[in-house]
Amino acid sequence: MELRDRWIHFKVCDVYIPDPEKLLIELYGNDLVQGKVIDLSDSGAQQGTFAVVKVEGLEQPVIVPVERIRGIL
């Protein structure tokens, strides 16, 4: 089968170049993501507080600086 000029499907994790992380940032870096805050950091000696956020569809919670939160539902 000739693949040239054909649309295909593939997993992001199978991309060889560029790094899959860079690819995701280029494609979706400015998209808004919704999640539920499950904990807040104790900022301690560092400036700023961080939110630990559970995002549906992601296995691991993400950590976001509270100052970067764009909205609260």
Protein backbone atom coordinates (compact mmCIF):
# COMPACT_ATOMS: atom_id res chain seq x y z
CA MET A 1 0.00 0.00 0.00
CA GLU A 2 1.31 3.45 -0.90
CA LEU A 3 1.39 5.72 2.17
CA ARG A 4 2.61 8.92 0.55
CA ASP A 5 -0.10 11.66 0.66
CA ARG A 6 -2.36 9.47 2.84
CA TRP A 7 -3.79 10.45 6.24
CA ILE A 8 -2.80 8.07 9.03
CA HIS A 9 -3.38 7.53 12.76
CA PHE A 10 -0.63 7.03 15.32
CA LYS A 11 -0.02 7.34 19.05
CA VAL A 12 1.83 10.40 20.35
CA CYS A 13 4.07 8.11 22.40
CA ASP A 14 5.26 6.47 19.14
CA VAL A 15 6.60 9.72 17.65
CA TYR A 16 10.35 9.51 17.17
CA ILE A 17 11.12 13.17 16.34
CA PRO A 18 10.33 15.64 17.88
CA ASP A 19 10.18 14.55 21.50
CA PRO A 20 6.53 13.62 22.27
CA GLU A 21 6.49 16.16 25.12
CA LYS A 22 7.46 18.96 22.74
CA LEU A 23 4.83 17.79 20.27
CA LEU A 24 2.10 17.95 22.90
CA ILE A 25 3.16 21.42 24.00
CA GLU A 26 3.08 22.67 20.40
CA LEU A 27 -0.34 21.14 19.73
CA TYR A 28 -2.09 21.76 23.03
CA GLY A 29 0.10 24.09 25.09
CA ASN A 30 -2.47 26.91 25.14
CA ASP A 31 -5.57 24.75 25.69
CA LEU A 32 -7.40 25.12 29.00
CA VAL A 33 -7.65 21.98 31.13
CA GLN A 34 -10.22 21.42 33.87
CA GLY A 35 -9.54 19.53 37.07
CA LYS A 36 -10.39 19.30 40.75
CA VAL A 37 -7.98 20.66 43.38
CA ILE A 38 -7.21 17.80 45.78
CA ASP A 39 -4.49 19.50 47.81
CA LEU A 40 -2.47 22.70 48.18
CA SER A 41 1.24 22.92 48.89
CA ASP A 42 2.74 24.53 51.92
CA SER A 43 4.89 27.06 50.09
CA GLY A 44 7.50 26.96 52.86
CA ALA A 45 10.66 28.78 51.83
CA GLN A 46 9.65 28.99 48.16
CA GLN A 47 7.49 31.76 46.80
CA GLY A 48 3.96 30.86 45.75
CA THR A 49 1.56 28.07 46.47
CA PHE A 50 0.89 25.12 44.19
CA ALA A 51 -2.36 23.24 43.61
CA VAL A 52 -2.39 19.46 43.22
CA VAL A 53 -5.09 18.84 40.62
CA LYS A 54 -6.84 15.63 39.53
CA VAL A 55 -7.66 15.78 35.83
CA GLU A 56 -10.13 13.26 34.41
CA GLY A 57 -8.33 10.97 31.99
CA LEU A 58 -4.90 11.41 33.58
CA GLU A 59 -3.59 8.78 35.96
CA GLN A 60 -1.26 11.12 37.86
CA PRO A 61 -2.36 14.44 39.39
CA VAL A 62 -0.79 17.58 37.97
CA ILE A 63 0.79 20.41 39.95
CA VAL A 64 -0.03 23.96 38.92
CA PRO A 65 1.08 27.27 40.47
CA VAL A 66 -2.03 28.79 42.10
CA GLU A 67 -1.17 32.13 40.50
CA ARG A 68 -1.59 30.50 37.05
CA ILE A 69 -5.15 29.23 37.66
CA ARG A 70 -7.34 30.87 34.99
CA GLY A 71 -10.77 30.38 36.53
CA ILE A 72 -12.73 28.68 39.28
CA LEU A 73 -16.01 26.85 38.65
